[in-house]
Amino acid sequence: QAQLVESGGGLVQSGGSLKLSCTTSARIFGVATLGWYRQAPGKQREVVARISRLGSLHYAESAKGRFAISRDSVKNTVYLQMSDLKPEDTAVYYCNAHLQNADAWGQGTQVTVSS
């Protein structure tokens, strides 16, 4: 089973920034589309951003212009740089590795944005 280890969540004021990191194995990193999802209390999990192994990007409308996803092939790590954070960005953020036949998830990291 793929292992995804996240870090970087925390408490930040509105307008602030955070950078999330997710490290996985080289095998998974080399073939998967990697992404970040989030789930706020009482809401469904939703995609925030994805990056394919070839670098194609996808952002949710709410993330465009504020968030940037990137991947480091040396560190087998995917990042989510979040800027201009808003209280509505408060959620548990999950790293995802989408493989041909399965999805793997990280344990989640809490992001809380105070107004």
Protein backbone atom coordinates (compact mmCIF):
# COMPACT_ATOMS: atom_id res chain seq x y z
CA GLN A 1 0.00 0.00 0.00
CA ALA A 2 1.32 3.40 -0.98
CA GLN A 3 2.47 5.58 1.88
CA LEU A 4 1.98 9.32 1.79
CA VAL A 5 3.37 11.45 4.61
CA GLU A 6 2.06 14.98 4.91
CA SER A 7 3.28 17.97 6.85
CA GLY A 8 2.90 21.72 6.98
CA GLY A 9 -0.59 22.39 8.28
CA GLY A 10 -1.34 24.77 11.10
CA LEU A 11 -3.11 27.91 12.24
CA VAL A 12 -2.74 31.09 10.21
CA GLN A 13 -4.50 34.42 10.04
CA SER A 14 -6.61 35.44 7.10
CA GLY A 15 -4.36 36.64 4.29
CA GLY A 16 -1.47 34.49 5.44
CA SER A 17 0.37 31.66 3.75
CA LEU A 18 1.17 28.01 4.38
CA LYS A 19 3.06 25.37 2.46
CA LEU A 20 2.01 21.75 2.65
CA SER A 21 4.34 18.88 1.79
CA CYS A 22 3.66 15.26 0.95
CA THR A 23 6.43 12.71 0.53
CA THR A 24 6.01 9.28 -0.98
CA SER A 25 8.11 6.49 -2.43
CA ALA A 26 10.01 6.89 -5.65
CA ARG A 27 7.92 4.14 -7.24
CA ILE A 28 4.66 5.92 -6.52
CA PHE A 29 6.03 9.36 -7.30
CA GLY A 30 7.18 8.24 -10.72
CA VAL A 31 3.81 7.01 -12.00
CA ALA A 32 1.05 8.74 -10.06
CA THR A 33 -0.92 11.86 -10.54
CA LEU A 34 -0.49 13.60 -7.21
CA GLY A 35 -3.00 15.92 -5.70
CA TRP A 36 -4.33 17.75 -2.72
CA TYR A 37 -7.89 17.46 -1.52
CA ARG A 38 -9.62 19.01 1.45
CA GLN A 39 -12.59 18.27 3.64
CA ALA A 40 -14.27 20.85 5.83
CA PRO A 41 -16.59 19.82 8.68
CA GLY A 42 -19.92 18.68 7.34
CA LYS A 43 -18.79 18.84 3.73
CA GLN A 44 -17.61 16.36 1.14
CA ARG A 45 -13.97 15.97 0.27
CA GLU A 46 -13.09 18.11 -2.73
CA VAL A 47 -10.12 18.45 -5.01
CA VAL A 48 -7.90 21.48 -4.52
CA ALA A 49 -5.14 20.86 -7.06
CA ARG A 50 -3.55 18.02 -9.03
CA ILE A 51 -0.33 17.57 -10.94
CA SER A 52 0.36 14.71 -13.31
CA ARG A 53 3.67 12.90 -13.59
CA LEU A 54 4.30 14.97 -16.73
CA GLY A 55 3.49 18.22 -14.96
CA SER A 56 -0.03 18.94 -16.16
CA LEU A 57 -1.88 21.06 -13.63
CA HIS A 58 -5.47 21.26 -12.48
CA TYR A 59 -6.86 23.68 -9.90
CA ALA A 60 -10.24 24.08 -8.31
CA GLU A 61 -11.78 27.46 -9.03
CA SER A 62 -11.38 28.40 -5.38
CA ALA A 63 -7.63 27.74 -5.58
CA LYS A 64 -6.80 29.52 -8.83
CA GLY A 65 -4.53 32.50 -8.34
CA ARG A 66 -3.88 31.71 -4.68
CA PHE A 67 -2.53 28.16 -4.52
CA ALA A 68 0.31 26.53 -6.43
CA ILE A 69 1.04 22.81 -6.65
CA SER A 70 4.48 21.54 -7.55
CA ARG A 71 6.52 18.37 -7.38
CA ASP A 72 10.17 17.65 -6.62
CA SER A 73 11.43 14.48 -8.28
CA VAL A 74 14.60 14.44 -6.18
CA LYS A 75 12.71 14.47 -2.90
CA ASN A 76 9.67 12.51 -4.17
CA THR A 77 7.56 15.26 -2.69
CA VAL A 78 4.56 17.23 -3.82
CA TYR A 79 3.90 20.67 -2.40
CA LEU A 80 0.92 22.96 -2.09
CA GLN A 81 1.85 26.58 -1.57
CA MET A 82 -1.18 28.43 -0.28
CA SER A 83 -1.34 32.23 -0.21
CA ASP A 84 -4.01 34.78 0.66
CA LEU A 85 -5.71 32.20 2.84
CA LYS A 86 -9.32 32.75 3.83
CA PRO A 87 -11.42 31.35 6.66
CA GLU A 88 -13.30 29.24 4.12
CA ASP A 89 -10.02 27.43 3.35
CA THR A 90 -10.19 25.87 6.81
CA ALA A 91 -10.25 22.10 6.39
CA VAL A 92 -8.28 18.91 6.71
CA TYR A 93 -6.03 18.69 3.67
CA TYR A 94 -5.23 15.28 2.24
CA CYS A 95 -2.51 14.24 -0.16
CA ASN A 96 -3.61 11.82 -2.88
CA ALA A 97 -1.77 9.56 -5.28
CA HIS A 98 -3.94 8.47 -8.18
CA LEU A 99 -2.70 5.27 -9.76
CA GLN A 100 -4.15 3.27 -12.63
CA ASN A 101 -6.17 0.95 -10.41
CA ALA A 102 -6.24 2.61 -7.03
CA ASP A 103 -6.01 5.75 -4.98
CA ALA A 104 -3.81 6.24 -1.94
CA TRP A 105 -4.34 8.88 0.72
CA GLY A 106 -2.28 10.55 3.37
CA GLN A 107 -3.44 10.87 6.94
CA GLY A 108 -4.49 14.50 6.53
CA THR A 109 -3.19 17.73 7.96
CA GLN A 110 -5.35 20.41 9.55
CA VAL A 111 -5.32 23.93 8.13
CA THR A 112 -7.16 26.55 10.16
CA VAL A 113 -7.51 30.12 8.97
CA SER A 114 -8.69 32.64 11.52
CA SER A 115 -10.53 35.80 10.54
